[in-house]
């Protein structure tokens, strides 16, 4: 009986750890996709208990071509679309603060097919 309880506890602990890891992977990573001549930009920011003030910015080279801003507590989702040109390279960046600290997220750079 004790072995069964221990096995169940270990299994629950493993699944809890996996579920938590998957949640963390989804957050705080900008996503840039293309469909024809349209770029879709998305980020879900998650900072538990923190006030979030963030902007999602789309660049062509060093030129800012679009931006979207949101504020909120704990979780903020920012998304937008913008027209793009096939063959050009675009960068998606997140700027702002969470709990008064600067948000540091690696930008995503892709070329529109």
C-alpha atoms as a PDB file:
ATOM      1  CA  UNK A   1       0.000   0.000   0.000  1.00  0.00           C
ATOM      2  CA  UNK A   2       2.795   2.407   0.896  1.00  0.00           C
ATOM      3  CA  UNK A   3       4.540   1.658  -2.407  1.00  0.00           C
ATOM      4  CA  UNK A   4       1.365   2.489  -4.342  1.00  0.00           C
ATOM      5  CA  UNK A   5       0.999   5.810  -2.579  1.00  0.00           C
ATOM      6  CA  UNK A   6       4.648   6.686  -3.220  1.00  0.00           C
ATOM      7  CA  UNK A   7       4.347   5.755  -6.895  1.00  0.00           C
ATOM      8  CA  UNK A   8       1.218   7.900  -7.261  1.00  0.00           C
ATOM      9  CA  UNK A   9       2.938  10.841  -5.549  1.00  0.00           C
ATOM     10  CA  UNK A  10       5.980  10.558  -7.809  1.00  0.00           C
ATOM     11  CA  UNK A  11       3.797  10.407 -10.941  1.00  0.00           C
ATOM     12  CA  UNK A  12       1.789  13.467  -9.824  1.00  0.00           C
ATOM     13  CA  UNK A  13       4.998  15.344  -9.054  1.00  0.00           C
ATOM     14  CA  UNK A  14       6.460  14.495 -12.470  1.00  0.00           C
ATOM     15  CA  UNK A  15       3.330  15.626 -14.327  1.00  0.00           C
ATOM     16  CA  UNK A  16       3.171  18.819 -12.261  1.00  0.00           C
ATOM     17  CA  UNK A  17       6.788  19.619 -13.128  1.00  0.00           C
ATOM     18  CA  UNK A  18       6.226  18.950 -16.840  1.00  0.00           C
ATOM     19  CA  UNK A  19       3.058  21.086 -16.916  1.00  0.00           C
ATOM     20  CA  UNK A  20       4.858  23.970 -15.189  1.00  0.00           C
ATOM     21  CA  UNK A  21       7.810  23.760 -17.599  1.00  0.00           C
ATOM     22  CA  UNK A  22       5.463  23.873 -20.586  1.00  0.00           C
ATOM     23  CA  UNK A  23       3.728  26.974 -19.249  1.00  0.00           C
ATOM     24  CA  UNK A  24       7.023  28.762 -18.784  1.00  0.00           C
ATOM     25  CA  UNK A  25       8.139  27.976 -22.353  1.00  0.00           C
ATOM     26  CA  UNK A  26       4.995  29.562 -23.821  1.00  0.00           C
ATOM     27  CA  UNK A  27       5.501  32.914 -22.107  1.00  0.00           C
ATOM     28  CA  UNK A  28       7.919  35.739 -22.778  1.00  0.00           C
ATOM     29  CA  UNK A  29       8.954  34.685 -26.269  1.00  0.00           C
ATOM     30  CA  UNK A  30       7.894  36.831 -29.231  1.00  0.00           C
ATOM     31  CA  UNK A  31       6.450  34.974 -32.221  1.00  0.00           C
ATOM     32  CA  UNK A  32       6.747  36.296 -35.783  1.00  0.00           C
ATOM     33  CA  UNK A  33       5.004  34.470 -38.629  1.00  0.00           C
ATOM     34  CA  UNK A  34       4.245  35.355 -42.240  1.00  0.00           C
ATOM     35  CA  UNK A  35       1.242  34.659 -44.422  1.00  0.00           C
ATOM     36  CA  UNK A  36       1.722  36.063 -47.897  1.00  0.00           C
ATOM     37  CA  UNK A  37       2.488  39.750 -47.416  1.00  0.00           C
ATOM     38  CA  UNK A  38       1.220  39.917 -43.836  1.00  0.00           C
ATOM     39  CA  UNK A  39       3.325  39.567 -40.691  1.00  0.00           C
ATOM     40  CA  UNK A  40       1.627  38.313 -37.526  1.00  0.00           C
ATOM     41  CA  UNK A  41       3.300  39.423 -34.319  1.00  0.00           C
ATOM     42  CA  UNK A  42       2.562  37.993 -30.879  1.00  0.00           C
ATOM     43  CA  UNK A  43       3.916  37.813 -27.356  1.00  0.00           C
ATOM     44  CA  UNK A  44       2.394  36.663 -24.075  1.00  0.00           C
ATOM     45  CA  UNK A  45       4.226  38.166 -21.113  1.00  0.00           C
ATOM     46  CA  UNK A  46       3.914  36.506 -17.722  1.00  0.00           C
ATOM     47  CA  UNK A  47       5.358  38.050 -14.572  1.00  0.00           C
ATOM     48  CA  UNK A  48       3.346  36.842 -11.521  1.00  0.00           C
ATOM     49  CA  UNK A  49       2.246  39.695  -9.266  1.00  0.00           C
ATOM     50  CA  UNK A  50       4.005  42.342 -11.355  1.00  0.00           C
ATOM     51  CA  UNK A  51       2.658  45.401 -13.164  1.00  0.00           C
ATOM     52  CA  UNK A  52       3.556  45.029 -16.861  1.00  0.00           C
ATOM     53  CA  UNK A  53       3.993  47.951 -19.278  1.00  0.00           C
ATOM     54  CA  UNK A  54       5.220  46.620 -22.614  1.00  0.00           C
ATOM     55  CA  UNK A  55       5.463  47.368 -26.318  1.00  0.00           C
ATOM     56  CA  UNK A  56       5.835  44.859 -29.149  1.00  0.00           C
ATOM     57  CA  UNK A  57       7.830  46.421 -32.006  1.00  0.00           C
ATOM     58  CA  UNK A  58       8.306  45.273 -35.604  1.00  0.00           C
ATOM     59  CA  UNK A  59      11.402  46.484 -37.458  1.00  0.00           C
ATOM     60  CA  UNK A  60      12.517  46.277 -41.084  1.00  0.00           C
ATOM     61  CA  UNK A  61      16.258  46.612 -40.722  1.00  0.00           C
ATOM     62  CA  UNK A  62      16.740  49.424 -38.179  1.00  0.00           C
ATOM     63  CA  UNK A  63      13.448  51.118 -39.081  1.00  0.00           C
ATOM     64  CA  UNK A  64      10.462  50.732 -36.781  1.00  0.00           C
ATOM     65  CA  UNK A  65       7.453  49.958 -38.987  1.00  0.00           C
ATOM     66  CA  UNK A  66       4.780  48.997 -36.418  1.00  0.00           C
ATOM     67  CA  UNK A  67       4.242  48.794 -32.661  1.00  0.00           C
ATOM     68  CA  UNK A  68       1.561  47.688 -30.222  1.00  0.00           C
ATOM     69  CA  UNK A  69       1.404  48.620 -26.524  1.00  0.00           C
ATOM     70  CA  UNK A  70      -0.365  47.115 -23.515  1.00  0.00           C
ATOM     71  CA  UNK A  71      -0.322  47.318 -19.741  1.00  0.00           C
ATOM     72  CA  UNK A  72      -1.687  44.963 -17.131  1.00  0.00           C
ATOM     73  CA  UNK A  73      -0.975  42.850 -14.081  1.00  0.00           C
ATOM     74  CA  UNK A  74       0.669  39.397 -14.079  1.00  0.00           C
ATOM     75  CA  UNK A  75      -0.091  38.549 -17.737  1.00  0.00           C
ATOM     76  CA  UNK A  76      -0.298  40.671 -20.891  1.00  0.00           C
ATOM     77  CA  UNK A  77      -0.875  39.461 -24.451  1.00  0.00           C
ATOM     78  CA  UNK A  78       0.148  41.773 -27.274  1.00  0.00           C
ATOM     79  CA  UNK A  79      -0.535  41.001 -30.927  1.00  0.00           C
ATOM     80  CA  UNK A  80      -0.825  42.740 -34.243  1.00  0.00           C
ATOM     81  CA  UNK A  81      -0.421  42.387 -37.970  1.00  0.00           C
ATOM     82  CA  UNK A  82       1.404  44.496 -40.524  1.00  0.00           C
ATOM     83  CA  UNK A  83       1.977  44.296 -44.242  1.00  0.00           C
ATOM     84  CA  UNK A  84       5.450  43.137 -45.311  1.00  0.00           C
ATOM     85  CA  UNK A  85       7.427  42.494 -48.488  1.00  0.00           C
ATOM     86  CA  UNK A  86       8.626  39.047 -49.534  1.00  0.00           C
ATOM     87  CA  UNK A  87      12.416  38.679 -49.335  1.00  0.00           C
ATOM     88  CA  UNK A  88      12.877  41.347 -46.654  1.00  0.00           C
ATOM     89  CA  UNK A  89      14.106  40.615 -43.139  1.00  0.00           C
ATOM     90  CA  UNK A  90      12.085  41.684 -40.093  1.00  0.00           C
ATOM     91  CA  UNK A  91      12.822  41.785 -36.367  1.00  0.00           C
ATOM     92  CA  UNK A  92      10.272  41.567 -33.562  1.00  0.00           C
ATOM     93  CA  UNK A  93      11.305  43.106 -30.221  1.00  0.00           C
ATOM     94  CA  UNK A  94       9.667  43.512 -26.833  1.00  0.00           C
ATOM     95  CA  UNK A  95      10.452  46.552 -24.688  1.00  0.00           C
ATOM     96  CA  UNK A  96       9.079  47.757 -21.383  1.00  0.00           C
ATOM     97  CA  UNK A  97       9.024  46.991 -17.685  1.00  0.00           C
ATOM     98  CA  UNK A  98       7.623  44.360 -15.340  1.00  0.00           C
ATOM     99  CA  UNK A  99       7.476  45.343 -11.694  1.00  0.00           C
ATOM    100  CA  UNK A 100       9.712  48.314 -12.467  1.00  0.00           C
ATOM    101  CA  UNK A 101      12.449  46.112 -13.963  1.00  0.00           C
ATOM    102  CA  UNK A 102      13.421  46.231 -17.630  1.00  0.00           C
ATOM    103  CA  UNK A 103      12.028  43.387 -19.725  1.00  0.00           C
ATOM    104  CA  UNK A 104      14.937  41.549 -21.376  1.00  0.00           C
ATOM    105  CA  UNK A 105      13.717  39.227 -24.122  1.00  0.00           C
ATOM    106  CA  UNK A 106      15.760  38.060 -27.100  1.00  0.00           C
ATOM    107  CA  UNK A 107      14.357  39.562 -30.334  1.00  0.00           C
ATOM    108  CA  UNK A 108      13.222  37.296 -33.162  1.00  0.00           C
ATOM    109  CA  UNK A 109      14.504  37.936 -36.702  1.00  0.00           C
ATOM    110  CA  UNK A 110      13.040  36.241 -39.778  1.00  0.00           C
ATOM    111  CA  UNK A 111      12.928  36.742 -43.524  1.00  0.00           C
ATOM    112  CA  UNK A 112       9.541  36.888 -45.213  1.00  0.00           C
ATOM    113  CA  UNK A 113       9.393  34.039 -47.749  1.00  0.00           C
END
